[in-house]
Amino acid sequence: MSDKSNARKVRNADINPCIEESDGSQKCLDAYNYNKDMCSAYFLKYKNCRKYWHGVMLQRRREGIKPDMPTAKEREEIIAALGGKPY
């Protein structure tokens, strides 16, 4: 797989549910000259986001729901039903 194809996947909102958290981590690193200690809260948000949506993906896979990862629109509806992000 080429780097460009992989980069497009990472930036695709239907594939990657944690773009916002990833961007926050990157912006923090840029702002604090890549001092990781200053960005631990952003890293934790990203980690919790990935963990949550991975669990959703596994559950959908077990239940035979396709696609495994909900689309961006479906994720917005799930988050709204929960009253906000659970992570």
N, C-alpha and C. Protein backbone atom coordinates (compact mmCIF):
# COMPACT_ATOMS: atom_id res chain seq x y z
N MET A 1 0.85 -1.18 0.00
CA MET A 1 0.00 0.00 0.00
C MET A 1 0.89 1.24 0.00
N SER A 2 0.56 2.19 -0.82
CA SER A 2 1.38 3.40 -0.90
C SER A 2 1.10 4.31 0.28
N ASP A 3 2.05 5.20 0.54
CA ASP A 3 1.90 6.15 1.64
C ASP A 3 0.73 7.09 1.40
N LYS A 4 0.52 7.52 0.13
CA LYS A 4 -0.57 8.43 -0.17
C LYS A 4 -1.92 7.77 0.07
N SER A 5 -2.04 6.51 -0.31
CA SER A 5 -3.29 5.78 -0.10
C SER A 5 -3.56 5.62 1.39
N ASN A 6 -2.53 5.31 2.15
CA ASN A 6 -2.67 5.15 3.59
C ASN A 6 -3.04 6.48 4.25
N ALA A 7 -2.43 7.57 3.79
CA ALA A 7 -2.74 8.90 4.35
C ALA A 7 -4.19 9.26 4.06
N ARG A 8 -4.69 8.92 2.88
CA ARG A 8 -6.08 9.21 2.55
C ARG A 8 -7.02 8.43 3.46
N LYS A 9 -6.67 7.19 3.78
CA LYS A 9 -7.50 6.38 4.68
C LYS A 9 -7.56 7.01 6.07
N VAL A 10 -6.42 7.47 6.56
CA VAL A 10 -6.35 8.06 7.89
C VAL A 10 -7.19 9.33 7.95
N ARG A 11 -7.28 10.08 6.86
CA ARG A 11 -8.04 11.33 6.83
C ARG A 11 -9.50 11.14 6.41
N ASN A 12 -9.90 9.91 6.09
CA ASN A 12 -11.27 9.62 5.67
C ASN A 12 -12.16 9.50 6.91
N ALA A 13 -13.12 10.40 7.05
CA ALA A 13 -13.99 10.43 8.23
C ALA A 13 -14.83 9.17 8.36
N ASP A 14 -15.13 8.49 7.26
CA ASP A 14 -15.91 7.25 7.35
C ASP A 14 -15.08 6.08 7.85
N ILE A 15 -13.78 6.16 7.71
CA ILE A 15 -12.89 5.07 8.14
C ILE A 15 -12.30 5.35 9.52
N ASN A 16 -11.87 6.59 9.74
CA ASN A 16 -11.21 6.96 10.99
C ASN A 16 -12.14 7.81 11.86
N PRO A 17 -12.66 7.25 12.95
CA PRO A 17 -13.58 8.00 13.81
C PRO A 17 -12.89 8.99 14.73
N CYS A 18 -11.57 8.98 14.76
CA CYS A 18 -10.84 9.79 15.74
C CYS A 18 -9.97 10.87 15.09
N ILE A 19 -10.40 11.38 13.95
CA ILE A 19 -9.63 12.42 13.27
C ILE A 19 -9.50 13.66 14.14
N GLU A 20 -10.59 14.06 14.78
CA GLU A 20 -10.57 15.26 15.62
C GLU A 20 -9.56 15.11 16.76
N GLU A 21 -9.55 13.97 17.42
CA GLU A 21 -8.63 13.72 18.52
C GLU A 21 -7.18 13.64 18.02
N SER A 22 -6.99 13.04 16.87
CA SER A 22 -5.67 12.95 16.26
C SER A 22 -5.13 14.34 15.93
N ASP A 23 -6.00 15.16 15.33
CA ASP A 23 -5.60 16.53 15.00
C ASP A 23 -5.25 17.32 16.26
N GLY A 24 -6.03 17.12 17.32
CA GLY A 24 -5.75 17.82 18.58
C GLY A 24 -4.39 17.45 19.13
N SER A 25 -4.05 16.17 19.07
CA SER A 25 -2.74 15.71 19.54
C SER A 25 -1.62 16.35 18.72
N GLN A 26 -1.81 16.36 17.40
CA GLN A 26 -0.78 16.92 16.51
C GLN A 26 -0.61 18.42 16.74
N LYS A 27 -1.72 19.13 16.91
CA LYS A 27 -1.63 20.58 17.15
C LYS A 27 -0.94 20.87 18.48
N CYS A 28 -1.22 20.05 19.48
CA CYS A 28 -0.57 20.22 20.77
C CYS A 28 0.93 20.01 20.64
N LEU A 29 1.31 18.94 19.95
CA LEU A 29 2.74 18.69 19.76
C LEU A 29 3.41 19.85 19.03
N ASP A 30 2.74 20.37 18.01
CA ASP A 30 3.29 21.52 17.28
C ASP A 30 3.43 22.73 18.19
N ALA A 31 2.41 22.98 19.01
CA ALA A 31 2.41 24.15 19.90
C ALA A 31 3.48 24.07 20.98
N TYR A 32 3.75 22.87 21.47
CA TYR A 32 4.70 22.70 22.57
C TYR A 32 6.02 22.10 22.12
N ASN A 33 6.36 22.34 20.85
CA ASN A 33 7.65 21.92 20.32
C ASN A 33 7.93 20.44 20.57
N TYR A 34 6.91 19.63 20.36
CA TYR A 34 6.99 18.17 20.48
C TYR A 34 7.39 17.69 21.87
N ASN A 35 7.01 18.46 22.89
CA ASN A 35 7.19 18.03 24.27
C ASN A 35 5.97 17.17 24.63
N LYS A 36 6.14 15.87 24.60
CA LYS A 36 5.02 14.94 24.78
C LYS A 36 4.38 15.05 26.17
N ASP A 37 5.16 15.46 27.14
CA ASP A 37 4.61 15.58 28.50
C ASP A 37 3.49 16.62 28.56
N MET A 38 3.56 17.63 27.72
CA MET A 38 2.56 18.70 27.72
C MET A 38 1.25 18.27 27.05
N CYS A 39 1.27 17.15 26.35
CA CYS A 39 0.12 16.75 25.53
C CYS A 39 -0.54 15.45 25.99
N SER A 40 -0.25 15.02 27.18
CA SER A 40 -0.76 13.73 27.63
C SER A 40 -2.29 13.67 27.65
N ALA A 41 -2.96 14.78 27.94
CA ALA A 41 -4.43 14.78 27.94
C ALA A 41 -4.97 14.53 26.54
N TYR A 42 -4.31 15.11 25.53
CA TYR A 42 -4.73 14.89 24.14
C TYR A 42 -4.49 13.45 23.72
N PHE A 43 -3.36 12.89 24.14
CA PHE A 43 -3.05 11.50 23.81
C PHE A 43 -4.07 10.56 24.45
N LEU A 44 -4.47 10.86 25.68
CA LEU A 44 -5.44 10.03 26.38
C LEU A 44 -6.81 10.09 25.69
N LYS A 45 -7.21 11.28 25.25
CA LYS A 45 -8.47 11.41 24.51
C LYS A 45 -8.44 10.56 23.24
N TYR A 46 -7.32 10.62 22.52
CA TYR A 46 -7.18 9.84 21.29
C TYR A 46 -7.23 8.34 21.59
N LYS A 47 -6.50 7.94 22.61
CA LYS A 47 -6.46 6.52 22.98
C LYS A 47 -7.86 6.03 23.37
N ASN A 48 -8.58 6.82 24.16
CA ASN A 48 -9.93 6.43 24.58
C ASN A 48 -10.89 6.40 23.40
N CYS A 49 -10.72 7.32 22.47
CA CYS A 49 -11.54 7.34 21.26
C CYS A 49 -11.33 6.05 20.46
N ARG A 50 -10.09 5.71 20.21
CA ARG A 50 -9.77 4.50 19.44
C ARG A 50 -10.32 3.25 20.15
N LYS A 51 -10.16 3.21 21.45
CA LYS A 51 -10.63 2.06 22.23
C LYS A 51 -12.15 1.93 22.14
N TYR A 52 -12.87 3.05 22.27
CA TYR A 52 -14.33 3.03 22.22
C TYR A 52 -14.82 2.55 20.85
N TRP A 53 -14.31 3.16 19.77
CA TRP A 53 -14.81 2.80 18.44
C TRP A 53 -14.34 1.42 18.01
N HIS A 54 -13.21 0.96 18.53
CA HIS A 54 -12.78 -0.41 18.25
C HIS A 54 -13.78 -1.39 18.86
N GLY A 55 -14.23 -1.10 20.08
CA GLY A 55 -15.24 -1.94 20.72
C GLY A 55 -16.55 -1.96 19.94
N VAL A 56 -16.95 -0.81 19.43
CA VAL A 56 -18.16 -0.72 18.61
C VAL A 56 -17.98 -1.56 17.35
N MET A 57 -16.82 -1.44 16.73
CA MET A 57 -16.54 -2.18 15.51
C MET A 57 -16.60 -3.70 15.76
N LEU A 58 -16.01 -4.15 16.84
CA LEU A 58 -16.04 -5.58 17.16
C LEU A 58 -17.46 -6.07 17.42
N GLN A 59 -18.25 -5.26 18.12
CA GLN A 59 -19.63 -5.63 18.40
C GLN A 59 -20.43 -5.75 17.11
N ARG A 60 -20.26 -4.78 16.21
CA ARG A 60 -20.98 -4.81 14.93
C ARG A 60 -20.55 -6.03 14.11
N ARG A 61 -19.27 -6.35 14.16
CA ARG A 61 -18.77 -7.51 13.42
C ARG A 61 -19.40 -8.79 13.96
N ARG A 62 -19.48 -8.90 15.30
CA ARG A 62 -20.11 -10.09 15.91
C ARG A 62 -21.57 -10.21 15.52
N GLU A 63 -22.24 -9.06 15.40
CA GLU A 63 -23.67 -9.05 15.08
C GLU A 63 -23.93 -9.10 13.57
N GLY A 64 -22.86 -9.14 12.77
CA GLY A 64 -23.00 -9.24 11.33
C GLY A 64 -23.44 -7.95 10.65
N ILE A 65 -23.23 -6.82 11.32
CA ILE A 65 -23.62 -5.52 10.75
C ILE A 65 -22.49 -5.01 9.86
N LYS A 66 -22.83 -4.59 8.66
CA LYS A 66 -21.85 -4.05 7.72
C LYS A 66 -22.18 -2.60 7.45
N PRO A 67 -21.21 -1.74 7.28
CA PRO A 67 -19.78 -1.97 7.50
C PRO A 67 -19.47 -2.12 8.99
N ASP A 68 -18.31 -2.70 9.26
CA ASP A 68 -17.91 -2.93 10.66
C ASP A 68 -17.85 -1.61 11.44
N MET A 69 -17.27 -0.59 10.81
CA MET A 69 -17.18 0.72 11.45
C MET A 69 -18.35 1.57 10.97
N PRO A 70 -19.12 2.13 11.90
CA PRO A 70 -20.22 3.00 11.49
C PRO A 70 -19.69 4.17 10.65
N THR A 71 -20.49 4.64 9.70
CA THR A 71 -20.09 5.80 8.91
C THR A 71 -20.05 7.03 9.80
N ALA A 72 -19.47 8.10 9.28
CA ALA A 72 -19.38 9.34 10.05
C ALA A 72 -20.76 9.81 10.49
N LYS A 73 -21.74 9.72 9.60
CA LYS A 73 -23.11 10.14 9.93
C LYS A 73 -23.69 9.26 11.04
N GLU A 74 -23.50 7.95 10.94
CA GLU A 74 -23.98 7.04 11.98
C GLU A 74 -23.31 7.33 13.32
N ARG A 75 -22.01 7.62 13.29
CA ARG A 75 -21.30 7.93 14.54
C ARG A 75 -21.83 9.20 15.18
N GLU A 76 -22.16 10.21 14.36
CA GLU A 76 -22.74 11.44 14.90
C GLU A 76 -24.06 11.13 15.60
N GLU A 77 -24.87 10.27 15.00
CA GLU A 77 -26.15 9.89 15.60
C GLU A 77 -25.95 9.13 16.90
N ILE A 78 -24.96 8.24 16.93
CA ILE A 78 -24.66 7.47 18.14
C ILE A 78 -24.23 8.41 19.26
N ILE A 79 -23.33 9.35 18.94
CA ILE A 79 -22.84 10.30 19.94
C ILE A 79 -23.97 11.18 20.45
N ALA A 80 -24.85 11.62 19.54
CA ALA A 80 -25.98 12.46 19.93
C ALA A 80 -26.92 11.69 20.86
N ALA A 81 -27.16 10.41 20.55
CA ALA A 81 -28.03 9.57 21.37
C ALA A 81 -27.46 9.36 22.77
N LEU A 82 -26.13 9.35 22.86
CA LEU A 82 -25.45 9.17 24.14
C LEU A 82 -25.34 10.49 24.93
N GLY A 83 -25.66 11.59 24.27
CA GLY A 83 -25.58 12.90 24.92
C GLY A 83 -24.18 13.47 24.91
N GLY A 84 -23.35 13.01 24.03
CA GLY A 84 -21.97 13.50 23.92
C GLY A 84 -21.01 12.34 23.80
N LYS A 85 -19.77 12.67 23.61
CA LYS A 85 -18.74 11.64 23.45
C LYS A 85 -18.55 10.90 24.77
N PRO A 86 -18.57 9.56 24.72
CA PRO A 86 -18.40 8.77 25.94
C PRO A 86 -16.93 8.60 26.35
N TYR A 87 -16.05 9.29 25.71
CA TYR A 87 -14.62 9.15 26.00
C TYR A 87 -13.98 10.50 26.22
